[in-house]
Amino acid sequence: MELVRLREQNRWWDSLDALNTDLHLRAVADAPFPMIHPAEKTINLTQDRLYILRGPRQVGKTTILKKFIRKLITSEEADPRSIFYFAFDIAGLRDAAEVKDAVISYIEWARSFPIKNR
């Protein structure tokens, strides 16, 4: 998969300002009250684990993920290139082979940087 397609959804690789202009994060920032999903309290980002976040449409899954991304990059000072986000549904991927290609493309690109964890 072309790196440009991966960069479209991972704009923080090139500029941390992308976190300030992200539509999901702007909506949370502009909300009249704090929006904290229960999953945010139970997922521990310091553990080396794989989490699967699933649920119906429009319940906040993407927003939670982007809040975690912002926290990792700003608070924990993680290398922005160590975080790979990809919304497979909006990318138009057709099958498991294309999903695999996207993940492998990221891994091969990220290997060129001295990143401890991905």
Protein backbone atom coordinates (compact mmCIF):
# COMPACT_ATOMS: atom_id res chain seq x y z
CA MET A 1 0.00 0.00 0.00
CA GLU A 2 1.22 3.49 -0.77
CA LEU A 3 2.53 5.41 2.21
CA VAL A 4 0.49 8.43 1.17
CA ARG A 5 -2.71 6.49 1.95
CA LEU A 6 -1.41 5.67 5.42
CA ARG A 7 -0.34 9.27 6.03
CA GLU A 8 -3.84 10.53 5.23
CA GLN A 9 -5.11 8.95 8.45
CA ASN A 10 -1.95 9.49 10.51
CA ARG A 11 -1.32 13.19 9.98
CA TRP A 12 0.53 13.47 13.32
CA TRP A 13 3.47 11.65 11.67
CA ASP A 14 4.27 14.90 9.88
CA SER A 15 2.93 17.53 12.27
CA LEU A 16 1.66 17.46 15.84
CA ASP A 17 -0.62 20.35 14.90
CA ALA A 18 -2.75 17.75 13.12
CA LEU A 19 -4.02 16.68 16.54
CA ASN A 20 -5.42 20.19 17.07
CA THR A 21 -7.32 20.17 13.80
CA ASP A 22 -8.67 16.61 13.92
CA LEU A 23 -12.46 16.67 13.60
CA HIS A 24 -13.07 14.10 16.35
CA LEU A 25 -10.74 15.78 18.83
CA ARG A 26 -12.17 19.23 18.02
CA ALA A 27 -15.68 17.96 18.75
CA VAL A 28 -14.57 16.73 22.18
CA ALA A 29 -12.76 19.99 22.92
CA ASP A 30 -15.80 22.04 21.91
CA ALA A 31 -18.27 19.98 23.93
CA PRO A 32 -20.02 21.89 26.72
CA PHE A 33 -19.11 19.18 29.24
CA PRO A 34 -16.25 16.68 29.61
CA MET A 35 -16.76 13.58 27.48
CA ILE A 36 -15.12 10.53 29.04
CA HIS A 37 -16.12 7.11 27.82
CA PRO A 38 -15.93 4.23 30.36
CA ALA A 39 -13.45 2.41 28.08
CA GLU A 40 -10.99 5.27 28.57
CA LYS A 41 -10.76 4.37 32.25
CA THR A 42 -10.20 0.64 31.71
CA ILE A 43 -7.62 0.54 28.92
CA ASN A 44 -4.08 0.74 30.26
CA LEU A 45 -1.75 2.04 27.56
CA THR A 46 1.38 1.14 29.53
CA GLN A 47 0.78 -2.58 29.09
CA ASP A 48 1.96 -4.40 25.99
CA ARG A 49 -1.41 -5.66 24.85
CA LEU A 50 -3.71 -5.71 21.90
CA TYR A 51 -7.08 -4.13 22.49
CA ILE A 52 -10.07 -4.49 20.22
CA LEU A 53 -12.55 -1.68 20.41
CA ARG A 54 -15.85 -2.53 18.78
CA GLY A 55 -19.42 -1.40 18.91
CA PRO A 56 -22.25 0.13 16.93
CA ARG A 57 -21.71 3.06 14.63
CA GLN A 58 -21.41 6.54 16.12
CA VAL A 59 -20.79 5.59 19.76
CA GLY A 60 -17.32 7.18 19.99
CA LYS A 61 -14.84 4.42 19.10
CA THR A 62 -12.77 6.63 16.79
CA THR A 63 -12.87 9.53 19.23
CA ILE A 64 -11.59 7.33 22.06
CA LEU A 65 -8.75 6.04 19.90
CA LYS A 66 -7.74 9.54 18.85
CA LYS A 67 -7.83 10.74 22.45
CA PHE A 68 -5.47 7.88 23.33
CA ILE A 69 -3.22 8.82 20.42
CA ARG A 70 -3.09 12.43 21.57
CA LYS A 71 -2.33 11.33 25.13
CA LEU A 72 0.48 9.02 24.02
CA ILE A 73 2.09 11.64 21.83
CA THR A 74 1.73 14.66 24.13
CA SER A 75 1.79 13.26 27.67
CA GLU A 76 3.87 10.15 27.27
CA GLU A 77 6.09 11.66 24.61
CA ALA A 78 5.78 8.67 22.30
CA ASP A 79 7.25 9.00 18.84
CA PRO A 80 4.28 9.97 16.63
CA ARG A 81 5.49 7.50 14.00
CA SER A 82 5.11 4.68 16.53
CA ILE A 83 1.32 5.00 16.40
CA PHE A 84 -0.57 3.58 13.45
CA TYR A 85 -4.25 4.36 13.07
CA PHE A 86 -6.20 3.12 10.10
CA ALA A 87 -9.96 3.17 9.63
CA PHE A 88 -10.38 0.21 7.33
CA ASP A 89 -14.04 0.93 6.68
CA ILE A 90 -13.45 4.36 5.17
CA ALA A 91 -10.30 3.33 3.31
CA GLY A 92 -12.26 1.11 0.96
CA LEU A 93 -10.26 -2.03 1.60
CA ARG A 94 -11.93 -5.03 0.06
CA ASP A 95 -10.43 -8.08 1.71
CA ALA A 96 -8.01 -9.48 4.28
CA ALA A 97 -5.11 -9.28 1.82
CA GLU A 98 -5.51 -5.51 1.54
CA VAL A 99 -5.68 -5.17 5.33
CA LYS A 100 -2.49 -7.22 5.62
CA ASP A 101 -0.84 -5.04 2.96
CA ALA A 102 -1.69 -1.87 4.91
CA VAL A 103 -0.24 -3.23 8.15
CA ILE A 104 2.91 -4.55 6.47
CA SER A 105 3.43 -1.24 4.67
CA TYR A 106 3.34 0.57 8.01
CA ILE A 107 5.70 -1.90 9.69
CA GLU A 108 8.23 -1.69 6.86
CA TRP A 109 8.13 2.11 6.91
CA ALA A 110 8.35 2.34 10.72
CA ARG A 111 11.38 0.03 10.81
CA SER A 112 13.44 2.81 9.25
CA PHE A 113 13.15 4.83 12.49
CA PRO A 114 14.65 4.08 15.93
CA ILE A 115 11.25 3.40 17.50
CA LYS A 116 11.17 1.19 20.57
CA ASN A 117 7.49 0.26 20.58
CA ARG A 118 4.90 0.39 17.85
